[in-house]
Protein backbone atom coordinates (compact mmCIF):
# COMPACT_ATOMS: atom_id res chain seq x y z
CA MET A 1 197.10 120.01 42.05
CA ILE A 2 196.71 119.46 38.47
CA ASP A 3 196.74 116.09 38.37
CA LYS A 4 194.33 115.43 40.97
CA HIS A 5 191.93 118.25 39.97
CA ALA A 6 192.54 117.70 35.40
CA ASP A 7 191.53 114.87 33.15
CA ALA A 8 194.17 113.67 31.47
CA ASN A 9 193.57 114.83 28.69
CA ALA A 10 193.32 117.80 29.51
CA THR A 11 194.77 120.55 27.21
CA LEU A 12 196.45 123.41 29.47
CA CYS A 13 195.59 126.68 28.01
CA THR A 14 198.39 129.78 29.99
CA ASP A 15 199.49 132.60 29.98
CA GLU A 16 202.94 132.75 30.11
CA ALA A 17 204.23 132.96 34.20
CA THR A 18 207.18 130.16 34.98
CA ILE A 19 204.73 129.07 37.46
CA TYR A 20 203.37 126.96 34.57
CA LYS A 21 206.97 125.79 33.19
CA GLY A 22 207.49 121.73 33.94
CA ILE A 23 203.66 121.12 34.03
CA GLU A 24 203.99 117.64 32.54
CA GLY A 25 201.81 115.19 30.99
CA TYR A 26 199.73 117.38 29.68
CA LYS A 27 199.37 119.82 26.13
CA GLN A 28 199.83 122.91 26.80
CA LEU A 29 198.99 126.01 25.28
CA MET A 30 199.83 129.79 25.47
CA VAL A 31 199.25 133.00 25.50
CA ASN A 32 201.65 135.60 26.03
CA TYR A 33 200.37 139.17 28.48
CA SER A 34 204.09 140.64 27.77
CA ALA A 35 204.36 140.94 24.50
CA GLY A 36 200.32 142.29 24.43
CA GLN A 37 198.90 138.66 23.06
CA TYR A 38 195.65 137.97 24.56
CA VAL A 39 194.42 135.20 22.90
CA ASN A 40 195.97 133.30 20.89
CA GLY A 41 193.90 131.53 18.44
CA ILE A 42 191.35 129.29 20.56
CA VAL A 43 193.94 130.08 23.41
CA HIS A 44 192.22 132.69 26.65
CA THR A 45 192.92 132.40 30.44
CA ASN A 46 188.82 134.58 30.41
CA GLY A 47 186.81 132.12 31.71
CA ILE A 48 189.99 131.91 34.61
CA GLU A 49 189.95 135.18 34.77
CA SER A 50 186.89 136.10 35.74
CA VAL A 51 186.76 133.19 38.58
CA TRP A 52 189.86 134.19 39.83
CA ALA A 53 188.11 138.02 40.25
CA LEU A 54 184.87 137.25 42.01
CA LEU A 55 187.60 135.07 44.30
CA LYS A 56 189.32 137.77 44.80
CA ARG A 57 186.01 140.44 45.52
CA GLY A 58 184.22 137.73 47.73
CA TYR A 59 188.19 137.54 49.47
CA HIS A 60 188.60 141.55 50.39
CA GLY A 61 185.14 141.93 50.55
CA VAL A 62 182.97 139.37 52.58
CA PHE A 63 185.54 136.60 54.08
CA TYR A 64 188.42 139.22 54.34
CA HIS A 65 190.42 135.71 55.72
CA PHE A 66 190.32 132.71 53.43
CA SER A 67 191.78 129.85 56.12
CA ASP A 68 194.21 127.40 54.26
CA LYS A 69 192.49 124.29 56.28
CA HIS A 70 189.04 125.70 54.10
CA ILE A 71 190.40 127.14 51.24
CA GLY A 72 188.91 124.38 48.82
CA ARG A 73 185.18 125.27 50.85
CA TYR A 74 185.44 128.97 50.07
CA VAL A 75 186.17 127.90 46.50
CA ASP A 76 183.84 125.54 46.38
CA GLU A 77 181.01 128.46 47.11
CA PHE A 78 182.13 130.81 44.44
CA VAL A 79 182.42 127.75 41.96
CA PHE A 80 178.17 127.44 42.70
CA ARG A 81 178.35 130.92 42.73
CA LEU A 82 179.20 131.46 39.17
CA ASN A 83 178.30 128.45 37.94
CA ASP A 84 174.12 128.29 39.03
CA GLY A 85 173.85 132.77 38.79
CA ASN A 86 173.47 131.99 34.61
CA VAL A 87 171.08 129.35 34.86
CA LYS A 88 167.47 130.78 33.68
CA ARG A 89 165.46 129.10 36.18
CA PRO A 90 163.01 131.25 38.87
CA THR A 91 164.95 132.25 42.47
CA LEU A 92 162.04 130.67 44.55
CA ASP A 93 162.88 126.84 41.81
CA ARG A 94 166.59 127.47 42.64
CA ILE A 95 166.12 128.17 46.48
CA ASP A 96 164.17 125.46 46.68
CA SER A 97 166.62 122.97 44.81
CA ILE A 98 169.54 124.15 46.92
CA VAL A 99 167.43 123.26 50.33
CA SER A 100 166.26 119.90 49.07
CA GLY A 101 170.40 119.17 49.08
CA PHE A 102 170.01 120.70 52.44
CA SER A 103 168.64 117.32 54.02
CA GLY A 104 171.31 114.34 55.82
CA ASN A 105 173.81 117.03 54.93
CA ARG A 106 174.50 117.84 58.85
CA LEU A 107 177.48 119.60 59.25
CA SER A 108 178.48 120.33 62.98
CA TYR A 109 181.36 122.93 63.57
CA LYS A 110 182.74 120.39 66.49
CA MET A 111 182.48 118.25 62.95
CA LEU A 112 183.65 121.06 60.48
CA VAL A 113 187.29 122.31 62.60
CA LEU A 114 188.18 118.31 62.64
CA MET A 115 187.72 118.28 59.20
């Protein structure tokens, strides 16, 4: 999964969880939460922690379930919310840009379930 989504020159900043051990091909820097270390120089996981918090709130408060088949779509929605939420543009301009992206991008239910 990391190979598919991360740049080959990326540096992975993680905590000490064993799931990250054995990832090869990337420079990996770590913080050790269990030792009370949350920042190690420039290394921290604060950014991704806020993403997880938003996803969890959406899961429990909006959707109640993410299907495995469409989990990428759920994540894309929340990434959009995070990225667009910090934009300093008037709301109607933001809505206009969203709606303009709909043109020619019809997604029927049949197409959705066959994907």
